[in-house]
Amino acid sequence: MKCKLAFVLFCFLTSASMGAYAQTSEASAPTSQSARSSRAADRALSKQVRAALIKAKIVDTPTIFVRAKNGSVTLAGSVSDQSQIERAGDVARGVSGVSSVNNALTVRQPGQ
């Protein structure tokens, strides 16, 4: 009788301790959820900057690549003249949510 009671108690304690140490997918969900929402916010900001460039009638908008990360926007690609580089940077800085602009645009050589 003592042996059966000890065995039942052992099984109960073992199963209770397993539940205490088990990790569920819910424990890691906030991290992946926040990463997803951060990526979505970055994509939305990139789209807003691209839309602002189009609205500002920057001539070489199709050759400008916009990347956003945590409010920091990078403009890359090439344009036909220096004034478009400066204008694109000014337009990007004017978009709500943009905290900084890394303007890596270059002037395209004639014939390219």
PDB file of N, CA and C in Angstrom:
ATOM      1  N   MET A   1       0.810  -1.179   0.000  1.00  0.00           N
ATOM      2  CA  MET A   1       0.000   0.000   0.000  1.00  0.00           C
ATOM      3  C   MET A   1       0.865   1.258   0.000  1.00  0.00           C
ATOM      4  N   LYS A   2       1.897   1.269   0.837  1.00  0.00           N
ATOM      5  CA  LYS A   2       2.795   2.418   0.890  1.00  0.00           C
ATOM      6  C   LYS A   2       3.477   2.613  -0.460  1.00  0.00           C
ATOM      7  N   CYS A   3       3.792   1.512  -1.097  1.00  0.00           N
ATOM      8  CA  CYS A   3       4.484   1.581  -2.386  1.00  0.00           C
ATOM      9  C   CYS A   3       3.581   2.213  -3.447  1.00  0.00           C
ATOM     10  N   LYS A   4       2.302   1.833  -3.474  1.00  0.00           N
ATOM     11  CA  LYS A   4       1.363   2.399  -4.440  1.00  0.00           C
ATOM     12  C   LYS A   4       1.140   3.882  -4.168  1.00  0.00           C
ATOM     13  N   LEU A   5       1.018   4.260  -2.926  1.00  0.00           N
ATOM     14  CA  LEU A   5       0.822   5.655  -2.561  1.00  0.00           C
ATOM     15  C   LEU A   5       2.048   6.496  -2.944  1.00  0.00           C
ATOM     16  N   ALA A   6       3.222   5.961  -2.717  1.00  0.00           N
ATOM     17  CA  ALA A   6       4.456   6.665  -3.078  1.00  0.00           C
ATOM     18  C   ALA A   6       4.548   6.818  -4.592  1.00  0.00           C
ATOM     19  N   PHE A   7       4.152   5.777  -5.328  1.00  0.00           N
ATOM     20  CA  PHE A   7       4.204   5.827  -6.784  1.00  0.00           C
ATOM     21  C   PHE A   7       3.213   6.864  -7.328  1.00  0.00           C
ATOM     22  N   VAL A   8       2.010   6.892  -6.795  1.00  0.00           N
ATOM     23  CA  VAL A   8       1.005   7.863  -7.220  1.00  0.00           C
ATOM     24  C   VAL A   8       1.475   9.282  -6.905  1.00  0.00           C
ATOM     25  N   LEU A   9       2.030   9.481  -5.744  1.00  0.00           N
ATOM     26  CA  LEU A   9       2.552  10.791  -5.356  1.00  0.00           C
ATOM     27  C   LEU A   9       3.698  11.211  -6.271  1.00  0.00           C
ATOM     28  N   PHE A  10       4.580  10.271  -6.577  1.00  0.00           N
ATOM     29  CA  PHE A  10       5.698  10.548  -7.484  1.00  0.00           C
ATOM     30  C   PHE A  10       5.175  10.969  -8.860  1.00  0.00           C
ATOM     31  N   CYS A  11       4.201  10.224  -9.396  1.00  0.00           N
ATOM     32  CA  CYS A  11       3.629  10.549 -10.708  1.00  0.00           C
ATOM     33  C   CYS A  11       2.977  11.925 -10.693  1.00  0.00           C
ATOM     34  N   PHE A  12       2.255  12.221  -9.643  1.00  0.00           N
ATOM     35  CA  PHE A  12       1.592  13.518  -9.532  1.00  0.00           C
ATOM     36  C   PHE A  12       2.603  14.659  -9.516  1.00  0.00           C
ATOM     37  N   LEU A  13       3.632  14.538  -8.694  1.00  0.00           N
ATOM     38  CA  LEU A  13       4.648  15.590  -8.598  1.00  0.00           C
ATOM     39  C   LEU A  13       5.412  15.742  -9.902  1.00  0.00           C
ATOM     40  N   THR A  14       5.703  14.632 -10.557  1.00  0.00           N
ATOM     41  CA  THR A  14       6.420  14.696 -11.826  1.00  0.00           C
ATOM     42  C   THR A  14       5.592  15.403 -12.884  1.00  0.00           C
ATOM     43  N   SER A  15       4.320  15.051 -12.994  1.00  0.00           N
ATOM     44  CA  SER A  15       3.473  15.695 -14.004  1.00  0.00           C
ATOM     45  C   SER A  15       3.245  17.168 -13.681  1.00  0.00           C
ATOM     46  N   ALA A  16       3.155  17.506 -12.414  1.00  0.00           N
ATOM     47  CA  ALA A  16       2.970  18.907 -12.022  1.00  0.00           C
ATOM     48  C   ALA A  16       4.218  19.722 -12.349  1.00  0.00           C
ATOM     49  N   SER A  17       5.393  19.162 -12.126  1.00  0.00           N
ATOM     50  CA  SER A  17       6.623  19.895 -12.412  1.00  0.00           C
ATOM     51  C   SER A  17       6.852  20.029 -13.907  1.00  0.00           C
ATOM     52  N   MET A  18       6.409  19.062 -14.696  1.00  0.00           N
ATOM     53  CA  MET A  18       6.546  19.178 -16.156  1.00  0.00           C
ATOM     54  C   MET A  18       5.730  20.344 -16.682  1.00  0.00           C
ATOM     55  N   GLY A  19       4.547  20.515 -16.154  1.00  0.00           N
ATOM     56  CA  GLY A  19       3.709  21.628 -16.577  1.00  0.00           C
ATOM     57  C   GLY A  19       4.304  22.967 -16.206  1.00  0.00           C
ATOM     58  N   ALA A  20       5.017  23.015 -15.103  1.00  0.00           N
ATOM     59  CA  ALA A  20       5.610  24.272 -14.650  1.00  0.00           C
ATOM     60  C   ALA A  20       6.762  24.702 -15.543  1.00  0.00           C
ATOM     61  N   TYR A  21       7.484  23.755 -16.126  1.00  0.00           N
ATOM     62  CA  TYR A  21       8.646  24.082 -16.949  1.00  0.00           C
ATOM     63  C   TYR A  21       8.355  24.062 -18.441  1.00  0.00           C
ATOM     64  N   ALA A  22       7.196  23.650 -18.819  1.00  0.00           N
ATOM     65  CA  ALA A  22       6.873  23.572 -20.239  1.00  0.00           C
ATOM     66  C   ALA A  22       6.740  24.968 -20.818  1.00  0.00           C
ATOM     67  N   GLN A  23       7.249  25.143 -22.047  1.00  0.00           N
ATOM     68  CA  GLN A  23       7.100  26.403 -22.742  1.00  0.00           C
ATOM     69  C   GLN A  23       6.030  26.233 -23.800  1.00  0.00           C
ATOM     70  N   THR A  24       5.218  27.221 -23.914  1.00  0.00           N
ATOM     71  CA  THR A  24       4.200  27.185 -24.948  1.00  0.00           C
ATOM     72  C   THR A  24       4.579  28.154 -26.048  1.00  0.00           C
ATOM     73  N   SER A  25       3.921  28.042 -27.161  1.00  0.00           N
ATOM     74  CA  SER A  25       4.175  28.974 -28.252  1.00  0.00           C
ATOM     75  C   SER A  25       3.724  30.379 -27.881  1.00  0.00           C
ATOM     76  N   GLU A  26       2.825  30.498 -26.919  1.00  0.00           N
ATOM     77  CA  GLU A  26       2.372  31.808 -26.473  1.00  0.00           C
ATOM     78  C   GLU A  26       3.485  32.589 -25.796  1.00  0.00           C
ATOM     79  N   ALA A  27       4.450  31.890 -25.197  1.00  0.00           N
ATOM     80  CA  ALA A  27       5.549  32.572 -24.515  1.00  0.00           C
ATOM     81  C   ALA A  27       6.417  33.316 -25.520  1.00  0.00           C
ATOM     82  N   SER A  28       6.586  32.768 -26.716  1.00  0.00           N
ATOM     83  CA  SER A  28       7.419  33.426 -27.718  1.00  0.00           C
ATOM     84  C   SER A  28       6.601  34.289 -28.664  1.00  0.00           C
ATOM     85  N   ALA A  29       5.297  34.259 -28.555  1.00  0.00           N
ATOM     86  CA  ALA A  29       4.438  35.010 -29.465  1.00  0.00           C
ATOM     87  C   ALA A  29       4.650  36.517 -29.399  1.00  0.00           C
ATOM     88  N   PRO A  30       4.802  37.146 -28.221  1.00  0.00           N
ATOM     89  CA  PRO A  30       4.972  38.599 -28.219  1.00  0.00           C
ATOM     90  C   PRO A  30       6.199  39.056 -29.002  1.00  0.00           C
ATOM     91  N   THR A  31       7.279  38.310 -28.937  1.00  0.00           N
ATOM     92  CA  THR A  31       8.479  38.685 -29.666  1.00  0.00           C
ATOM     93  C   THR A  31       8.234  38.614 -31.163  1.00  0.00           C
ATOM     94  N   SER A  32       7.679  37.515 -31.646  1.00  0.00           N
ATOM     95  CA  SER A  32       7.434  37.394 -33.072  1.00  0.00           C
ATOM     96  C   SER A  32       6.340  38.356 -33.512  1.00  0.00           C
ATOM     97  N   GLN A  33       5.367  38.608 -32.663  1.00  0.00           N
ATOM     98  CA  GLN A  33       4.302  39.548 -32.986  1.00  0.00           C
ATOM     99  C   GLN A  33       4.862  40.961 -33.111  1.00  0.00           C
ATOM    100  N   SER A  34       5.743  41.353 -32.193  1.00  0.00           N
ATOM    101  CA  SER A  34       6.316  42.696 -32.270  1.00  0.00           C
ATOM    102  C   SER A  34       7.244  42.822 -33.471  1.00  0.00           C
ATOM    103  N   ALA A  35       7.943  41.750 -33.814  1.00  0.00           N
ATOM    104  CA  ALA A  35       8.801  41.777 -34.997  1.00  0.00           C
ATOM    105  C   ALA A  35       7.955  41.935 -36.257  1.00  0.00           C
ATOM    106  N   ARG A  36       6.824  41.235 -36.286  1.00  0.00           N
ATOM    107  CA  ARG A  36       5.925  41.358 -37.444  1.00  0.00           C
ATOM    108  C   ARG A  36       5.361  42.761 -37.557  1.00  0.00           C
ATOM    109  N   SER A  37       4.949  43.323 -36.443  1.00  0.00           N
ATOM    110  CA  SER A  37       4.367  44.662 -36.493  1.00  0.00           C
ATOM    111  C   SER A  37       5.435  45.698 -36.848  1.00  0.00           C
ATOM    112  N   SER A  38       6.660  45.473 -36.420  1.00  0.00           N
ATOM    113  CA  SER A  38       7.755  46.378 -36.771  1.00  0.00           C
ATOM    114  C   SER A  38       8.040  46.330 -38.273  1.00  0.00           C
ATOM    115  N   ARG A  39       8.060  45.109 -38.833  1.00  0.00           N
ATOM    116  CA  ARG A  39       8.283  44.981 -40.283  1.00  0.00           C
ATOM    117  C   ARG A  39       7.137  45.607 -41.063  1.00  0.00           C
ATOM    118  N   ALA A  40       5.919  45.432 -40.579  1.00  0.00           N
ATOM    119  CA  ALA A  40       4.760  46.033 -41.248  1.00  0.00           C
ATOM    120  C   ALA A  40       4.844  47.559 -41.208  1.00  0.00           C
ATOM    121  N   ALA A  41       5.263  48.102 -40.079  1.00  0.00           N
ATOM    122  CA  ALA A  41       5.417  49.559 -39.961  1.00  0.00           C
ATOM    123  C   ALA A  41       6.519  50.062 -40.894  1.00  0.00           C
ATOM    124  N   ASP A  42       7.599  49.298 -41.008  1.00  0.00           N
ATOM    125  CA  ASP A  42       8.685  49.682 -41.918  1.00  0.00           C
ATOM    126  C   ASP A  42       8.207  49.679 -43.370  1.00  0.00           C
ATOM    127  N   ARG A  43       7.451  48.647 -43.738  1.00  0.00           N
ATOM    128  CA  ARG A  43       6.922  48.576 -45.115  1.00  0.00           C
ATOM    129  C   ARG A  43       5.971  49.744 -45.381  1.00  0.00           C
ATOM    130  N   ALA A  44       5.128  50.052 -44.415  1.00  0.00           N
ATOM    131  CA  ALA A  44       4.180  51.158 -44.580  1.00  0.00           C
ATOM    132  C   ALA A  44       4.914  52.485 -44.745  1.00  0.00           C
ATOM    133  N   LEU A  45       5.958  52.693 -43.952  1.00  0.00           N
ATOM    134  CA  LEU A  45       6.728  53.932 -44.054  1.00  0.00           C
ATOM    135  C   LEU A  45       7.430  54.016 -45.412  1.00  0.00           C
ATOM    136  N   SER A  46       7.977  52.905 -45.884  1.00  0.00           N
ATOM    137  CA  SER A  46       8.608  52.885 -47.213  1.00  0.00           C
ATOM    138  C   SER A  46       7.605  53.279 -48.284  1.00  0.00           C
ATOM    139  N   LYS A  47       6.399  52.739 -48.179  1.00  0.00           N
ATOM    140  CA  LYS A  47       5.354  53.066 -49.158  1.00  0.00           C
ATOM    141  C   LYS A  47       4.964  54.535 -49.082  1.00  0.00           C
ATOM    142  N   GLN A  48       4.908  55.086 -47.868  1.00  0.00           N
ATOM    143  CA  GLN A  48       4.562  56.502 -47.712  1.00  0.00           C
ATOM    144  C   GLN A  48       5.630  57.390 -48.351  1.00  0.00           C
ATOM    145  N   VAL A  49       6.897  57.032 -48.152  1.00  0.00           N
ATOM    146  CA  VAL A  49       7.983  57.823 -48.740  1.00  0.00           C
ATOM    147  C   VAL A  49       7.930  57.722 -50.262  1.00  0.00           C
ATOM    148  N   ARG A  50       7.723  56.512 -50.783  1.00  0.00           N
ATOM    149  CA  ARG A  50       7.640  56.325 -52.238  1.00  0.00           C
ATOM    150  C   ARG A  50       6.473  57.139 -52.801  1.00  0.00           C
ATOM    151  N   ALA A  51       5.332  57.120 -52.131  1.00  0.00           N
ATOM    152  CA  ALA A  51       4.171  57.892 -52.586  1.00  0.00           C
ATOM    153  C   ALA A  51       4.476  59.389 -52.572  1.00  0.00           C
ATOM    154  N   ALA A  52       5.196  59.842 -51.555  1.00  0.00           N
ATOM    155  CA  ALA A  52       5.561  61.265 -51.482  1.00  0.00           C
ATOM    156  C   ALA A  52       6.511  61.637 -52.623  1.00  0.00           C
ATOM    157  N   LEU A  53       7.429  60.735 -52.968  1.00  0.00           N
ATOM    158  CA  LEU A  53       8.342  60.996 -54.091  1.00  0.00           C
ATOM    159  C   LEU A  53       7.568  61.092 -55.405  1.00  0.00           C
ATOM    160  N   ILE A  54       6.596  60.211 -55.579  1.00  0.00           N
ATOM    161  CA  ILE A  54       5.781  60.239 -56.791  1.00  0.00           C
ATOM    162  C   ILE A  54       4.954  61.517 -56.836  1.00  0.00           C
ATOM    163  N   LYS A  55       4.353  61.881 -55.702  1.00  0.00           N
ATOM    164  CA  LYS A  55       3.531  63.101 -55.632  1.00  0.00           C
ATOM    165  C   LYS A  55       4.372  64.351 -55.909  1.00  0.00           C
ATOM    166  N   ALA A  56       5.634  64.324 -55.469  1.00  0.00           N
ATOM    167  CA  ALA A  56       6.523  65.469 -55.681  1.00  0.00           C
ATOM    168  C   ALA A  56       7.066  65.503 -57.108  1.00  0.00           C
ATOM    169  N   LYS A  57       6.688  64.505 -57.893  1.00  0.00           N
ATOM    170  CA  LYS A  57       7.079  64.407 -59.307  1.00  0.00           C
ATOM    171  C   LYS A  57       8.591  64.365 -59.484  1.00  0.00           C
ATOM    172  N   ILE A  58       9.236  63.567 -58.626  1.00  0.00           N
ATOM    173  CA  ILE A  58      10.658  63.290 -58.825  1.00  0.00           C
ATOM    174  C   ILE A  58      10.733  62.436 -60.091  1.00  0.00           C
ATOM    175  N   VAL A  59      11.424  62.912 -61.091  1.00  0.00           N
ATOM    176  CA  VAL A  59      11.393  62.292 -62.418  1.00  0.00           C
ATOM    177  C   VAL A  59      11.860  60.846 -62.402  1.00  0.00           C
ATOM    178  N   ASP A  60      12.904  60.539 -61.664  1.00  0.00           N
ATOM    179  CA  ASP A  60      13.490  59.202 -61.693  1.00  0.00           C
ATOM    180  C   ASP A  60      12.993  58.303 -60.556  1.00  0.00           C
ATOM    181  N   THR A  61      11.765  58.477 -60.130  1.00  0.00           N
ATOM    182  CA  THR A  61      11.233  57.681 -59.022  1.00  0.00           C
ATOM    183  C   THR A  61      11.368  56.177 -59.243  1.00  0.00           C
ATOM    184  N   PRO A  62      11.170  55.640 -60.467  1.00  0.00           N
ATOM    185  CA  PRO A  62      11.313  54.184 -60.637  1.00  0.00           C
ATOM    186  C   PRO A  62      12.725  53.663 -60.355  1.00  0.00           C
ATOM    187  N   THR A  63      13.726  54.511 -60.423  1.00  0.00           N
ATOM    188  CA  THR A  63      15.095  54.059 -60.156  1.00  0.00           C
ATOM    189  C   THR A  63      15.540  54.344 -58.726  1.00  0.00           C
ATOM    190  N   ILE A  64      14.612  54.811 -57.891  1.00  0.00           N
ATOM    191  CA  ILE A  64      14.915  55.093 -56.486  1.00  0.00           C
ATOM    192  C   ILE A  64      14.345  53.971 -55.625  1.00  0.00           C
ATOM    193  N   PHE A  65      15.191  53.367 -54.826  1.00  0.00           N
ATOM    194  CA  PHE A  65      14.779  52.302 -53.917  1.00  0.00           C
ATOM    195  C   PHE A  65      14.687  52.878 -52.507  1.00  0.00           C
ATOM    196  N   VAL A  66      13.583  52.605 -51.842  1.00  0.00           N
ATOM    197  CA  VAL A  66      13.328  53.145 -50.507  1.00  0.00           C
ATOM    198  C   VAL A  66      13.294  51.997 -49.515  1.00  0.00           C
ATOM    199  N   ARG A  67      14.084  52.129 -48.447  1.00  0.00           N
ATOM    200  CA  ARG A  67      14.078  51.122 -47.381  1.00  0.00           C
ATOM    201  C   ARG A  67      13.951  51.853 -46.051  1.00  0.00           C
ATOM    202  N   ALA A  68      13.033  51.382 -45.215  1.00  0.00           N
ATOM    203  CA  ALA A  68      12.820  52.001 -43.905  1.00  0.00           C
ATOM    204  C   ALA A  68      13.058  50.977 -42.812  1.00  0.00           C
ATOM    205  N   LYS A  69      13.634  51.438 -41.721  1.00  0.00           N
ATOM    206  CA  LYS A  69      13.816  50.582 -40.553  1.00  0.00           C
ATOM    207  C   LYS A  69      13.768  51.464 -39.316  1.00  0.00           C
ATOM    208  N   ASN A  70      12.744  51.261 -38.510  1.00  0.00           N
ATOM    209  CA  ASN A  70      12.559  51.999 -37.254  1.00  0.00           C
ATOM    210  C   ASN A  70      12.599  53.514 -37.453  1.00  0.00           C
ATOM    211  N   GLY A  71      12.006  53.997 -38.515  1.00  0.00           N
ATOM    212  CA  GLY A  71      11.945  55.437 -38.774  1.00  0.00           C
ATOM    213  C   GLY A  71      13.103  55.983 -39.579  1.00  0.00           C
ATOM    214  N   SER A  72      14.148  55.209 -39.730  1.00  0.00           N
ATOM    215  CA  SER A  72      15.296  55.626 -40.530  1.00  0.00           C
ATOM    216  C   SER A  72      15.088  55.155 -41.970  1.00  0.00           C
ATOM    217  N   VAL A  73      15.169  56.085 -42.912  1.00  0.00           N
ATOM    218  CA  VAL A  73      14.903  55.775 -44.319  1.00  0.00           C
ATOM    219  C   VAL A  73      16.196  55.882 -45.113  1.00  0.00           C
ATOM    220  N   THR A  74      16.423  54.895 -45.979  1.00  0.00           N
ATOM    221  CA  THR A  74      17.562  54.920 -46.890  1.00  0.00           C
ATOM    222  C   THR A  74      17.039  55.024 -48.310  1.00  0.00           C
ATOM    223  N   LEU A  75      17.564  55.993 -49.039  1.00  0.00           N
ATOM    224  CA  LEU A  75      17.257  56.146 -50.456  1.00  0.00           C
ATOM    225  C   LEU A  75      18.479  55.666 -51.235  1.00  0.00           C
ATOM    226  N   ALA A  76      18.273  54.761 -52.168  1.00  0.00           N
ATOM    227  CA  ALA A  76      19.384  54.237 -52.973  1.00  0.00           C
ATOM    228  C   ALA A  76      18.948  54.205 -54.433  1.00  0.00           C
ATOM    229  N   GLY A  77      19.929  54.119 -55.311  1.00  0.00           N
ATOM    230  CA  GLY A  77      19.646  54.075 -56.740  1.00  0.00           C
ATOM    231  C   GLY A  77      20.329  55.236 -57.436  1.00  0.00           C
ATOM    232  N   SER A  78      19.842  55.534 -58.632  1.00  0.00           N
ATOM    233  CA  SER A  78      20.464  56.612 -59.396  1.00  0.00           C
ATOM    234  C   SER A  78      19.406  57.507 -60.018  1.00  0.00           C
ATOM    235  N   VAL A  79      19.787  58.755 -60.175  1.00  0.00           N
ATOM    236  CA  VAL A  79      18.919  59.765 -60.788  1.00  0.00           C
ATOM    237  C   VAL A  79      19.726  60.505 -61.840  1.00  0.00           C
ATOM    238  N   SER A  80      19.047  61.309 -62.644  1.00  0.00           N
ATOM    239  CA  SER A  80      19.733  61.944 -63.768  1.00  0.00           C
ATOM    240  C   SER A  80      20.528  63.194 -63.402  1.00  0.00           C
ATOM    241  N   ASP A  81      20.189  63.876 -62.294  1.00  0.00           N
ATOM    242  CA  ASP A  81      20.982  65.059 -61.910  1.00  0.00           C
ATOM    243  C   ASP A  81      20.973  65.288 -60.405  1.00  0.00           C
ATOM    244  N   GLN A  82      21.911  66.091 -59.946  1.00  0.00           N
ATOM    245  CA  GLN A  82      22.136  66.357 -58.525  1.00  0.00           C
ATOM    246  C   GLN A  82      20.911  66.964 -57.842  1.00  0.00           C
ATOM    247  N   SER A  83      20.174  67.790 -58.556  1.00  0.00           N
ATOM    248  CA  SER A  83      19.007  68.438 -57.932  1.00  0.00           C
ATOM    249  C   SER A  83      17.958  67.414 -57.502  1.00  0.00           C
ATOM    250  N   GLN A  84      17.842  66.309 -58.218  1.00  0.00           N
ATOM    251  CA  GLN A  84      16.883  65.272 -57.838  1.00  0.00           C
ATOM    252  C   GLN A  84      17.315  64.566 -56.556  1.00  0.00           C
ATOM    253  N   ILE A  85      18.624  64.446 -56.355  1.00  0.00           N
ATOM    254  CA  ILE A  85      19.119  63.833 -55.111  1.00  0.00           C
ATOM    255  C   ILE A  85      18.704  64.679 -53.921  1.00  0.00           C
ATOM    256  N   GLU A  86      18.948  65.953 -54.018  1.00  0.00           N
ATOM    257  CA  GLU A  86      18.604  66.864 -52.927  1.00  0.00           C
ATOM    258  C   GLU A  86      17.092  66.927 -52.704  1.00  0.00           C
ATOM    259  N   ARG A  87      16.349  66.991 -53.786  1.00  0.00           N
ATOM    260  CA  ARG A  87      14.880  67.070 -53.688  1.00  0.00           C
ATOM    261  C   ARG A  87      14.301  65.796 -53.066  1.00  0.00           C
ATOM    262  N   ALA A  88      14.804  64.630 -53.473  1.00  0.00           N
ATOM    263  CA  ALA A  88      14.316  63.362 -52.934  1.00  0.00           C
ATOM    264  C   ALA A  88      14.577  63.284 -51.425  1.00  0.00           C
ATOM    265  N   GLY A  89      15.752  63.734 -50.992  1.00  0.00           N
ATOM    266  CA  GLY A  89      16.061  63.743 -49.561  1.00  0.00           C
ATOM    267  C   GLY A  89      15.142  64.657 -48.785  1.00  0.00           C
ATOM    268  N   ASP A  90      14.868  65.832 -49.344  1.00  0.00           N
ATOM    269  CA  ASP A  90      13.961  66.776 -48.681  1.00  0.00           C
ATOM    270  C   ASP A  90      12.542  66.219 -48.585  1.00  0.00           C
ATOM    271  N   VAL A  91      12.093  65.591 -49.660  1.00  0.00           N
ATOM    272  CA  VAL A  91      10.746  65.010 -49.661  1.00  0.00           C
ATOM    273  C   VAL A  91      10.649  63.901 -48.618  1.00  0.00           C
ATOM    274  N   ALA A  92      11.652  63.026 -48.556  1.00  0.00           N
ATOM    275  CA  ALA A  92      11.643  61.916 -47.595  1.00  0.00           C
ATOM    276  C   ALA A  92      11.638  62.446 -46.162  1.00  0.00           C
ATOM    277  N   ARG A  93      12.412  63.482 -45.884  1.00  0.00           N
ATOM    278  CA  ARG A  93      12.454  64.060 -44.531  1.00  0.00           C
ATOM    279  C   ARG A  93      11.105  64.637 -44.121  1.00  0.00           C
ATOM    280  N   GLY A  94      10.312  65.050 -45.101  1.00  0.00           N
ATOM    281  CA  GLY A  94       9.012  65.658 -44.822  1.00  0.00           C
ATOM    282  C   GLY A  94       7.898  64.663 -44.532  1.00  0.00           C
ATOM    283  N   VAL A  95       8.163  63.381 -44.687  1.00  0.00           N
ATOM    284  CA  VAL A  95       7.131  62.367 -44.447  1.00  0.00           C
ATOM    285  C   VAL A  95       7.018  62.115 -42.948  1.00  0.00           C
ATOM    286  N   SER A  96       5.795  62.077 -42.461  1.00  0.00           N
ATOM    287  CA  SER A  96       5.547  61.820 -41.051  1.00  0.00           C
ATOM    288  C   SER A  96       6.046  60.428 -40.672  1.00  0.00           C
ATOM    289  N   GLY A  97       6.794  60.348 -39.572  1.00  0.00           N
ATOM    290  CA  GLY A  97       7.327  59.069 -39.110  1.00  0.00           C
ATOM    291  C   GLY A  97       8.783  58.855 -39.468  1.00  0.00           C
ATOM    292  N   VAL A  98       9.321  59.683 -40.354  1.00  0.00           N
ATOM    293  CA  VAL A  98      10.725  59.564 -40.746  1.00  0.00           C
ATOM    294  C   VAL A  98      11.568  60.312 -39.724  1.00  0.00           C
ATOM    295  N   SER A  99      12.496  59.593 -39.089  1.00  0.00           N
ATOM    296  CA  SER A  99      13.362  60.224 -38.096  1.00  0.00           C
ATOM    297  C   SER A  99      14.704  60.636 -38.690  1.00  0.00           C
ATOM    298  N   SER A 100      15.166  59.913 -39.708  1.00  0.00           N
ATOM    299  CA  SER A 100      16.421  60.277 -40.368  1.00  0.00           C
ATOM    300  C   SER A 100      16.410  59.727 -41.784  1.00  0.00           C
ATOM    301  N   VAL A 101      17.225  60.349 -42.646  1.00  0.00           N
ATOM    302  CA  VAL A 101      17.321  59.931 -44.048  1.00  0.00           C
ATOM    303  C   VAL A 101      18.777  59.730 -44.402  1.00  0.00           C
ATOM    304  N   ASN A 102      19.092  58.548 -44.903  1.00  0.00           N
ATOM    305  CA  ASN A 102      20.405  58.255 -45.457  1.00  0.00           C
ATOM    306  C   ASN A 102      20.237  58.319 -46.972  1.00  0.00           C
ATOM    307  N   ASN A 103      20.711  59.388 -47.568  1.00  0.00           N
ATOM    308  CA  ASN A 103      20.530  59.599 -49.002  1.00  0.00           C
ATOM    309  C   ASN A 103      21.749  59.042 -49.737  1.00  0.00           C
ATOM    310  N   ALA A 104      21.602  57.829 -50.257  1.00  0.00           N
ATOM    311  CA  ALA A 104      22.693  57.166 -50.974  1.00  0.00           C
ATOM    312  C   ALA A 104      22.454  57.195 -52.495  1.00  0.00           C
ATOM    313  N   LEU A 105      21.671  58.157 -52.954  1.00  0.00           N
ATOM    314  CA  LEU A 105      21.418  58.270 -54.383  1.00  0.00           C
ATOM    315  C   LEU A 105      22.668  58.785 -55.105  1.00  0.00           C
ATOM    316  N   THR A 106      22.839  58.352 -56.328  1.00  0.00           N
ATOM    317  CA  THR A 106      23.969  58.802 -57.138  1.00  0.00           C
ATOM    318  C   THR A 106      23.456  59.359 -58.455  1.00  0.00           C
ATOM    319  N   VAL A 107      24.289  60.163 -59.100  1.00  0.00           N
ATOM    320  CA  VAL A 107      23.941  60.720 -60.405  1.00  0.00           C
ATOM    321  C   VAL A 107      24.357  59.696 -61.453  1.00  0.00           C
ATOM    322  N   ARG A 108      23.398  59.347 -62.291  1.00  0.00           N
ATOM    323  CA  ARG A 108      23.618  58.386 -63.365  1.00  0.00           C
ATOM    324  C   ARG A 108      24.421  59.046 -64.485  1.00  0.00           C
ATOM    325  N   GLN A 109      25.393  58.338 -64.995  1.00  0.00           N
ATOM    326  CA  GLN A 109      26.191  58.841 -66.111  1.00  0.00           C
ATOM    327  C   GLN A 109      25.339  58.882 -67.379  1.00  0.00           C
ATOM    328  N   PRO A 110      25.576  59.875 -68.262  1.00  0.00           N
ATOM    329  CA  PRO A 110      24.785  59.946 -69.504  1.00  0.00           C
ATOM    330  C   PRO A 110      24.910  58.647 -70.295  1.00  0.00           C
ATOM    331  N   GLY A 111      23.780  58.221 -70.845  1.00  0.00           N
ATOM    332  CA  GLY A 111      23.755  56.985 -71.633  1.00  0.00           C
ATOM    333  C   GLY A 111      23.463  55.745 -70.831  1.00  0.00           C
ATOM    334  N   GLN A 112      23.284  55.865 -69.533  1.00  0.00           N
ATOM    335  CA  GLN A 112      22.985  54.672 -68.706  1.00  0.00           C
ATOM    336  C   GLN A 112      21.524  54.579 -68.410  1.00  0.00           C
TER     337      GLN A 112
END
